[in-house]
Amino acid sequence: MDQPTANIVIIGHLDHGKSTLIGRLLLDTHSLPNGKLREIRDAARELGKKTELAFLVDQLKEERQQERSIETTQASFRTAKRNYVLIDAPGHAEFITNMLTGASMADAAILIIDAYEGIKEQTRRHAYLIKLLGIQKVIMALNKMDLAKYQRRRFEVIKAGLTKFLQDLPIAPFATIPISAKEGENICRSSLRMKWYKGPPLLQALNRLPLDRKKQIKPLRFCVQDIYQLEKEKVVVGKVVSGTIQNGQHVMVLPLLKKTKVNLIKIYGADKKRAYAGENIGICLQDSKALRRGHIIAAENNFPVPLYSFKSNVFWISKEPLRINQPFLVRLMTQEVECVAEKIENPIDSSTLKITKGRTSELKFNQAAKVILNTKRPLVAENFSFIDELGRFVIERENRLQGVGIVNNV
């Protein structure tokens, strides 16, 4: 229970093998529930298809019929070193919104490329998106090496093209690994068919990924998710985003700029003296009268000033452009604030990485740009490089996801 957890998003072009890779990891780490393998065999027989490991992840019948992922799906397994949550992000262009949803929850990414087909448009777009979202730990998996007859030359050709593209972003991959998810080569153990590859198999590379331990020593940020009335006391429920919180601690409620004191920390019905970054807890405060969902609790002597304007990088996924001074909703953690764009600069095409220099009046579909946002009400945010969860946001209009962004100059 004390093992750390790593959230890994699997991204890449349609049909390059994301779901199959997750299915293989679950199978080879003995992480399948009893009877699950039999269930997918029966489902495949019903559809008149061969049994596919991807069926372990692609739960929806529609996905099995179309042989592509529609929803963002999560699956868990563990090793002796840590627990893993694998997030299968759809590769089809129509489901870029779902891909962003999955990637926004990740600590690291596996970018999967078909060694037979090579780099495709969605490969480029997904690579750009994870860079935009601030995911710095990336493993490149060159899949379907069985179709390339496990040839080293094919691996080196694809790797060289991918490395050149990633340098332009820039992304420095943690490892680049030749694999066959279907055949189980170089997944949990080194492949006997690719003895020319001297690096670690995929699972070993995952175990070597460094996780962020710095959140514990950063200042306290607690995000309020809800408030419950239990008997005679109010319990403020939320997540410790960074730092630690303890009984008797004096804190600041933002954006109210109101001081109060932590009387009690509750978790799973029990009381505890201290809670750490990553924990979901309940707290009882000396004064919680004006508190509501979306507020941020910070250390009394170290807190961010609520913002009415901030600089950001925004990626736009709506067919309707983002226009100057057109209102929309920003969601950051549990905060919801109406915003407008004041300035849009240097838009870049996510597939070609072609930059249009200077200011523009709108941001178009699949473009990213530097954007200055003005808020109607105060927003509590941090630079993404300092506290990522308070520096990552989504943009909505009429309950539809329109774009994603990161805060980069508070």
Protein backbone atom coordinates (compact mmCIF):
# COMPACT_ATOMS: atom_id res chain seq x y z
CA MET A 1 0.00 0.00 0.00
CA ASP A 2 2.98 2.32 0.55
CA GLN A 3 4.32 1.84 -2.97
CA PRO A 4 4.28 4.95 -5.20
CA THR A 5 1.87 5.05 -8.15
CA ALA A 6 2.82 6.14 -11.65
CA ASN A 7 0.12 7.22 -14.12
CA ILE A 8 1.29 6.35 -17.66
CA VAL A 9 -0.62 7.45 -20.76
CA ILE A 10 -0.20 5.34 -23.92
CA ILE A 11 -0.43 7.56 -27.00
CA GLY A 12 0.15 7.29 -30.73
CA HIS A 13 -1.47 6.97 -34.14
CA LEU A 14 -4.59 4.87 -34.80
CA ASP A 15 -3.88 1.10 -34.99
CA HIS A 16 -0.26 1.37 -33.87
CA GLY A 17 -1.00 -0.98 -30.96
CA LYS A 18 -1.77 1.01 -27.81
CA SER A 19 -4.54 -1.25 -26.51
CA THR A 20 -2.58 -4.39 -27.44
CA LEU A 21 0.41 -3.13 -25.45
CA ILE A 22 -1.72 -2.53 -22.36
CA GLY A 23 -3.31 -5.98 -22.77
CA ARG A 24 0.15 -7.54 -22.99
CA LEU A 25 1.37 -5.75 -19.86
CA LEU A 26 -1.70 -6.90 -17.93
CA LEU A 27 -1.29 -10.48 -19.16
CA ASP A 28 2.44 -10.78 -18.56
CA THR A 29 2.32 -9.19 -15.10
CA HIS A 30 -0.53 -11.58 -14.09
CA SER A 31 -2.83 -8.61 -13.46
CA LEU A 32 -5.99 -9.95 -15.14
CA PRO A 33 -9.08 -10.74 -13.05
CA ASN A 34 -10.11 -14.40 -12.99
CA GLY A 35 -12.00 -15.34 -16.14
CA LYS A 36 -11.12 -12.17 -18.06
CA LEU A 37 -9.09 -13.96 -20.73
CA ARG A 38 -11.92 -16.44 -21.25
CA GLU A 39 -14.36 -13.52 -21.59
CA ILE A 40 -12.44 -11.88 -24.43
CA ARG A 41 -12.04 -15.22 -26.20
CA ASP A 42 -15.81 -15.67 -26.08
CA ALA A 43 -16.33 -12.08 -27.29
CA ALA A 44 -13.95 -12.61 -30.20
CA ARG A 45 -15.71 -15.84 -31.17
CA GLU A 46 -19.07 -14.02 -31.09
CA LEU A 47 -17.71 -11.33 -33.45
CA GLY A 48 -16.09 -13.91 -35.73
CA LYS A 49 -12.60 -12.59 -34.97
CA LYS A 50 -9.35 -13.94 -33.59
CA THR A 51 -8.67 -13.28 -29.93
CA GLU A 52 -6.91 -9.92 -29.58
CA LEU A 53 -5.13 -8.64 -26.47
CA ALA A 54 -6.58 -5.22 -27.29
CA PHE A 55 -10.00 -6.59 -26.30
CA LEU A 56 -8.79 -6.57 -22.69
CA VAL A 57 -8.78 -2.77 -22.89
CA ASP A 58 -11.38 -2.02 -25.57
CA GLN A 59 -14.40 -2.85 -23.45
CA LEU A 60 -17.09 -1.39 -25.65
CA LYS A 61 -18.57 -3.74 -28.27
CA GLU A 62 -18.41 -0.91 -30.79
CA GLU A 63 -14.66 -0.63 -30.18
CA ARG A 64 -14.23 -4.37 -30.69
CA GLN A 65 -16.16 -4.25 -33.95
CA GLN A 66 -14.28 -1.23 -35.26
CA GLU A 67 -10.98 -2.35 -33.71
CA ARG A 68 -10.20 1.11 -32.38
CA SER A 69 -10.37 2.81 -28.98
CA ILE A 70 -13.12 5.37 -28.48
CA GLU A 71 -13.12 6.03 -24.74
CA THR A 72 -10.14 6.79 -22.51
CA THR A 73 -9.67 3.56 -20.54
CA GLN A 74 -7.60 2.87 -17.43
CA ALA A 75 -6.02 -0.38 -16.27
CA SER A 76 -3.80 -1.14 -13.28
CA PHE A 77 -0.91 -3.44 -12.51
CA ARG A 78 2.01 -3.44 -10.13
CA THR A 79 5.63 -4.48 -9.93
CA ALA A 80 7.93 -4.96 -6.97
CA LYS A 81 8.94 -1.28 -7.27
CA ARG A 82 5.66 0.60 -7.82
CA ASN A 83 1.99 0.56 -8.82
CA TYR A 84 0.95 1.60 -12.32
CA VAL A 85 -2.19 3.07 -13.81
CA LEU A 86 -2.13 2.74 -17.61
CA ILE A 87 -4.28 5.20 -19.56
CA ASP A 88 -5.22 4.17 -23.10
CA ALA A 89 -5.67 7.40 -25.08
CA PRO A 90 -7.57 7.09 -28.40
CA GLY A 91 -5.43 7.62 -31.49
CA HIS A 92 -8.12 8.54 -34.00
CA ALA A 93 -8.31 12.25 -34.89
CA GLU A 94 -12.04 12.33 -34.00
CA PHE A 95 -11.22 11.45 -30.39
CA ILE A 96 -8.47 14.00 -29.70
CA THR A 97 -10.60 15.34 -26.81
CA ASN A 98 -10.52 11.94 -25.12
CA MET A 99 -6.77 11.70 -25.69
CA LEU A 100 -6.26 15.06 -23.94
CA THR A 101 -8.43 13.92 -21.03
CA GLY A 102 -6.21 10.89 -20.55
CA ALA A 103 -2.93 12.70 -21.02
CA SER A 104 -3.84 15.43 -18.54
CA MET A 105 -3.81 12.84 -15.73
CA ALA A 106 -0.42 11.34 -16.57
CA ASP A 107 3.01 11.52 -14.93
CA ALA A 108 4.72 10.02 -17.99
CA ALA A 109 3.89 8.80 -21.50
CA ILE A 110 4.65 5.90 -23.81
CA LEU A 111 4.55 7.11 -27.42
CA ILE A 112 3.97 4.05 -29.59
CA ILE A 113 4.97 3.95 -33.27
CA ASP A 114 4.31 1.18 -35.78
CA ALA A 115 7.78 0.08 -36.94
CA TYR A 116 6.25 -1.00 -40.24
CA GLU A 117 4.25 2.20 -40.99
CA GLY A 118 6.52 4.71 -39.26
CA ILE A 119 5.66 8.22 -38.06
CA LYS A 120 2.13 9.42 -38.87
CA GLU A 121 0.17 12.65 -38.38
CA GLN A 122 -1.29 11.61 -35.03
CA THR A 123 2.17 10.54 -33.86
CA ARG A 124 3.33 14.11 -34.41
CA ARG A 125 0.22 15.66 -32.90
CA HIS A 126 0.27 13.46 -29.79
CA ALA A 127 3.98 14.18 -29.27
CA TYR A 128 3.29 17.90 -29.47
CA LEU A 129 0.35 17.64 -27.08
CA ILE A 130 2.27 15.84 -24.35
CA LYS A 131 4.96 18.50 -24.62
CA LEU A 132 2.30 21.20 -24.33
CA LEU A 133 0.81 19.46 -21.29
CA GLY A 134 4.22 19.43 -19.67
CA ILE A 135 4.82 15.67 -19.67
CA GLN A 136 8.61 15.41 -19.67
CA LYS A 137 9.12 11.69 -19.07
CA VAL A 138 8.52 9.92 -22.39
CA ILE A 139 9.38 6.40 -23.56
CA MET A 140 9.34 5.67 -27.29
CA ALA A 141 8.09 2.17 -28.12
CA LEU A 142 8.61 1.04 -31.73
CA ASN A 143 5.92 -1.61 -31.98
CA LYS A 144 5.14 -4.41 -34.47
CA MET A 145 8.79 -5.34 -34.91
CA ASP A 146 7.46 -8.79 -35.84
CA LEU A 147 6.08 -7.26 -39.09
CA ALA A 148 9.52 -5.71 -39.70
CA LYS A 149 11.08 -9.17 -39.16
CA TYR A 150 12.86 -7.82 -36.07
CA GLN A 151 15.37 -6.03 -38.29
CA ARG A 152 17.74 -3.62 -36.58
CA ARG A 153 17.99 -1.46 -39.71
CA ARG A 154 14.23 -0.74 -39.69
CA PHE A 155 14.40 0.19 -36.00
CA GLU A 156 17.33 2.55 -36.59
CA VAL A 157 15.60 4.26 -39.56
CA ILE A 158 12.38 4.95 -37.60
CA LYS A 159 14.33 5.96 -34.49
CA ALA A 160 16.42 8.48 -36.47
CA GLY A 161 13.33 10.14 -37.99
CA LEU A 162 11.55 10.23 -34.65
CA THR A 163 14.58 11.64 -32.82
CA LYS A 164 14.89 14.47 -35.35
CA PHE A 165 11.21 15.35 -34.97
CA LEU A 166 11.35 15.25 -31.17
CA GLN A 167 14.42 17.50 -31.07
CA ASP A 168 12.33 20.24 -32.69
CA LEU A 169 9.74 20.18 -29.87
CA PRO A 170 12.02 19.58 -27.86
CA ILE A 171 11.47 16.20 -26.18
CA ALA A 172 14.35 14.05 -24.94
CA PRO A 173 13.03 10.46 -24.72
CA PHE A 174 13.93 8.49 -21.61
CA ALA A 175 14.34 5.36 -23.76
CA THR A 176 13.58 4.16 -27.30
CA ILE A 177 12.68 0.46 -27.31
CA PRO A 178 11.88 -1.98 -30.15
CA ILE A 179 8.91 -4.17 -29.13
CA SER A 180 6.23 -6.51 -30.38
CA ALA A 181 3.21 -6.16 -28.09
CA LYS A 182 1.36 -8.92 -29.94
CA GLU A 183 4.21 -11.44 -29.52
CA GLY A 184 5.40 -10.18 -26.12
CA GLU A 185 8.91 -9.29 -27.33
CA ASN A 186 10.89 -6.81 -25.19
CA ILE A 187 7.90 -6.12 -22.94
CA CYS A 188 8.64 -7.75 -19.58
CA ARG A 189 11.92 -9.43 -20.50
CA SER A 190 14.63 -8.93 -23.09
CA SER A 191 13.84 -10.31 -26.52
CA LEU A 192 15.84 -13.26 -27.86
CA ARG A 193 14.80 -12.17 -31.38
CA MET A 194 16.38 -8.73 -31.00
CA LYS A 195 19.69 -9.49 -29.30
CA TRP A 196 21.15 -6.49 -31.13
CA TYR A 197 19.17 -4.20 -28.79
CA LYS A 198 21.21 -3.64 -25.61
CA GLY A 199 18.80 -1.44 -23.66
CA PRO A 200 16.16 -2.40 -21.06
CA PRO A 201 12.83 -4.04 -21.96
CA LEU A 202 9.78 -1.81 -21.57
CA LEU A 203 8.77 -2.84 -18.04
CA GLN A 204 12.30 -2.32 -16.75
CA ALA A 205 12.41 1.13 -18.37
CA LEU A 206 9.11 2.01 -16.67
CA ASN A 207 10.51 0.95 -13.30
CA ARG A 208 13.53 3.19 -13.88
CA LEU A 209 11.43 6.30 -14.59
CA PRO A 210 12.09 8.86 -11.85
CA LEU A 211 8.90 10.00 -10.13
CA ASP A 212 8.48 13.53 -8.81
CA ARG A 213 9.28 13.53 -5.09
CA LYS A 214 9.55 17.31 -4.87
CA LYS A 215 5.83 17.87 -4.28
CA GLN A 216 6.28 16.91 -0.63
CA ILE A 217 8.72 19.76 0.03
CA LYS A 218 6.82 22.44 -1.88
CA PRO A 219 4.41 24.79 -0.05
CA LEU A 220 0.97 23.55 0.92
CA ARG A 221 -1.78 23.67 -1.72
CA PHE A 222 -5.07 21.95 -0.87
CA CYS A 223 -7.86 21.96 -3.45
CA VAL A 224 -11.42 22.01 -2.06
CA GLN A 225 -13.70 19.53 -3.84
CA ASP A 226 -16.76 19.57 -1.56
CA ILE A 227 -18.02 20.38 1.92
CA TYR A 228 -20.06 17.95 4.01
CA GLN A 229 -22.08 18.55 7.15
CA LEU A 230 -21.42 15.57 9.45
CA GLU A 231 -23.32 15.75 12.74
CA LYS A 232 -22.17 19.04 14.31
CA GLU A 233 -19.11 19.72 12.17
CA LYS A 234 -18.33 20.66 8.60
CA VAL A 235 -15.77 18.50 6.81
CA VAL A 236 -13.92 20.11 3.90
CA VAL A 237 -13.04 17.36 1.40
CA GLY A 238 -10.29 17.69 -1.17
CA LYS A 239 -6.81 16.80 -2.37
CA VAL A 240 -3.42 17.81 -1.03
CA VAL A 241 -1.84 18.94 -4.30
CA SER A 242 1.56 19.79 -2.82
CA GLY A 243 3.30 20.12 0.53
CA THR A 244 1.90 18.77 3.79
CA ILE A 245 -0.97 19.76 6.07
CA GLN A 246 -1.21 19.05 9.81
CA ASN A 247 -3.42 19.56 12.82
CA GLY A 248 -3.09 23.01 14.37
CA GLN A 249 -1.64 24.55 11.21
CA HIS A 250 -2.60 28.14 10.34
CA VAL A 251 -3.65 28.41 6.69
CA MET A 252 -4.89 30.92 4.11
CA VAL A 253 -8.12 30.36 2.13
CA LEU A 254 -7.86 31.58 -1.47
CA PRO A 255 -9.05 33.62 -3.26
CA LEU A 256 -10.78 34.95 -0.11
CA LEU A 257 -7.42 35.84 1.49
CA LYS A 258 -8.94 34.66 4.77
CA LYS A 259 -6.89 33.12 7.57
CA THR A 260 -8.07 30.13 9.58
CA LYS A 261 -6.73 27.07 11.43
CA VAL A 262 -6.84 23.30 10.80
CA ASN A 263 -8.53 21.66 13.79
CA LEU A 264 -8.64 18.06 12.55
CA ILE A 265 -7.62 15.90 9.59
CA LYS A 266 -9.84 12.97 8.63
CA ILE A 267 -9.20 10.10 6.24
CA TYR A 268 -11.38 7.01 5.71
CA GLY A 269 -13.35 7.80 8.85
CA ALA A 270 -10.27 7.99 11.07
CA ASP A 271 -8.36 10.98 12.44
CA LYS A 272 -4.71 11.64 11.56
CA LYS A 273 -2.16 14.27 12.48
CA ARG A 274 -0.64 14.98 9.07
CA ALA A 275 -1.40 14.44 5.36
CA TYR A 276 0.90 14.58 2.34
CA ALA A 277 0.87 15.57 -1.34
CA GLY A 278 -1.32 13.23 -3.38
CA GLU A 279 -3.67 12.30 -0.51
CA ASN A 280 -7.43 12.86 -0.67
CA ILE A 281 -8.60 13.84 2.80
CA GLY A 282 -11.17 15.72 4.84
CA ILE A 283 -10.30 18.58 7.18
CA CYS A 284 -12.20 20.46 9.86
CA LEU A 285 -11.37 24.16 10.05
CA GLN A 286 -11.77 26.68 12.84
CA ASP A 287 -13.83 28.83 10.45
CA SER A 288 -15.34 27.39 7.26
CA LYS A 289 -18.40 29.63 6.85
CA ALA A 290 -17.56 31.15 3.44
CA LEU A 291 -15.70 28.11 2.10
CA ARG A 292 -16.91 26.43 -1.09
CA ARG A 293 -15.84 24.11 -3.88
CA GLY A 294 -13.04 25.60 -5.96
CA HIS A 295 -11.27 27.37 -3.13
CA ILE A 296 -7.59 26.65 -2.49
CA ILE A 297 -6.09 26.34 0.99
CA ALA A 298 -2.42 27.34 1.22
CA ALA A 299 0.25 27.84 3.83
CA GLU A 300 -0.37 31.04 5.81
CA ASN A 301 3.09 32.43 5.06
CA ASN A 302 3.49 31.10 1.49
CA PHE A 303 0.53 31.47 -0.87
CA PRO A 304 -0.06 32.55 -4.50
CA VAL A 305 -1.73 35.90 -5.19
CA PRO A 306 -5.11 35.35 -6.93
CA LEU A 307 -4.95 36.38 -10.59
CA TYR A 308 -7.10 38.39 -12.98
CA SER A 309 -4.68 37.93 -15.89
CA PHE A 310 -2.02 35.37 -16.79
CA LYS A 311 0.12 34.10 -19.68
CA SER A 312 -0.42 30.59 -21.02
CA ASN A 313 0.20 28.13 -23.83
CA VAL A 314 -3.13 27.00 -25.32
CA PHE A 315 -3.90 24.14 -27.72
CA TRP A 316 -7.21 24.56 -29.58
CA ILE A 317 -9.27 21.49 -30.57
CA SER A 318 -12.58 23.07 -31.61
CA LYS A 319 -13.69 23.72 -35.19
CA GLU A 320 -14.90 27.12 -33.97
CA PRO A 321 -11.79 29.31 -33.41
CA LEU A 322 -10.75 30.96 -30.18
CA ARG A 323 -11.27 34.68 -30.81
CA ILE A 324 -10.07 37.76 -28.98
CA ASN A 325 -12.53 38.99 -26.30
CA GLN A 326 -14.94 36.09 -26.84
CA PRO A 327 -16.00 34.66 -23.43
CA PHE A 328 -15.43 31.05 -22.41
CA LEU A 329 -15.01 29.03 -19.22
CA VAL A 330 -11.66 27.99 -17.74
CA ARG A 331 -11.56 24.97 -15.43
CA LEU A 332 -8.45 24.63 -13.28
CA MET A 333 -8.64 21.86 -10.65
CA THR A 334 -12.12 22.51 -9.18
CA GLN A 335 -12.13 26.22 -10.04
CA GLU A 336 -14.44 27.53 -12.78
CA VAL A 337 -13.86 31.08 -14.02
CA GLU A 338 -15.16 32.98 -17.04
CA CYS A 339 -12.32 34.29 -19.22
CA VAL A 340 -11.52 36.11 -22.45
CA ALA A 341 -8.36 36.06 -24.56
CA GLU A 342 -6.61 39.43 -24.62
CA LYS A 343 -3.73 38.50 -26.93
CA ILE A 344 -2.83 35.51 -29.18
CA GLU A 345 0.77 35.24 -30.41
CA ASN A 346 2.86 32.95 -32.65
CA PRO A 347 0.32 30.20 -33.51
CA ILE A 348 1.89 26.86 -34.45
CA ASP A 349 0.42 23.95 -36.43
CA SER A 350 0.62 20.82 -34.26
CA SER A 351 1.31 18.45 -37.17
CA THR A 352 3.90 20.38 -39.18
CA LEU A 353 5.24 22.57 -36.32
CA LYS A 354 5.04 25.52 -38.74
CA ILE A 355 4.97 28.80 -36.79
CA THR A 356 3.15 31.97 -37.89
CA LYS A 357 5.08 34.84 -36.32
CA GLY A 358 3.33 37.74 -34.63
CA ARG A 359 -0.14 38.42 -33.24
CA THR A 360 -3.39 37.02 -34.60
CA SER A 361 -7.07 37.63 -33.88
CA GLU A 362 -7.97 33.93 -33.58
CA LEU A 363 -6.59 30.48 -32.79
CA LYS A 364 -7.75 27.77 -35.19
CA PHE A 365 -8.40 24.03 -34.94
CA ASN A 366 -5.28 22.02 -33.98
CA GLN A 367 -3.19 25.15 -33.48
CA ALA A 368 -1.33 26.16 -30.33
CA ALA A 369 -0.21 29.62 -29.30
CA LYS A 370 0.91 31.89 -26.50
CA VAL A 371 -2.27 33.44 -25.10
CA ILE A 372 -2.85 36.09 -22.43
CA LEU A 373 -6.10 35.34 -20.59
CA ASN A 374 -8.14 37.79 -18.50
CA THR A 375 -10.50 36.39 -15.86
CA LYS A 376 -13.84 37.76 -14.66
CA ARG A 377 -13.20 36.56 -11.10
CA PRO A 378 -9.90 35.86 -9.28
CA LEU A 379 -8.21 32.57 -10.18
CA VAL A 380 -5.64 30.70 -8.07
CA ALA A 381 -2.94 29.32 -10.35
CA GLU A 382 0.76 28.49 -10.37
CA ASN A 383 3.37 28.19 -13.08
CA PHE A 384 3.09 24.68 -14.49
CA SER A 385 6.82 24.18 -13.93
CA PHE A 386 6.32 24.84 -10.19
CA ILE A 387 3.11 22.97 -9.30
CA ASP A 388 1.74 21.21 -12.38
CA GLU A 389 -1.78 20.49 -11.09
CA LEU A 390 -2.39 24.20 -10.47
CA GLY A 391 -0.82 25.13 -13.79
CA ARG A 392 -2.91 22.98 -16.16
CA PHE A 393 -6.40 23.96 -17.32
CA VAL A 394 -9.12 23.23 -19.87
CA ILE A 395 -11.29 25.66 -21.83
CA GLU A 396 -15.01 25.00 -22.30
CA ARG A 397 -17.82 26.71 -24.14
CA GLU A 398 -21.46 25.59 -23.84
CA ASN A 399 -20.35 22.46 -21.93
CA ARG A 400 -18.00 21.38 -24.75
CA LEU A 401 -14.24 21.04 -24.39
CA GLN A 402 -12.61 23.59 -26.70
CA GLY A 403 -8.95 23.62 -25.69
CA VAL A 404 -6.31 22.87 -23.07
CA GLY A 405 -3.49 24.95 -21.71
CA ILE A 406 -0.75 25.44 -19.18
CA VAL A 407 0.11 28.49 -17.11
CA ASN A 408 3.65 29.64 -17.85
CA ASN A 409 4.15 33.12 -16.41
CA VAL A 410 2.52 33.96 -13.11
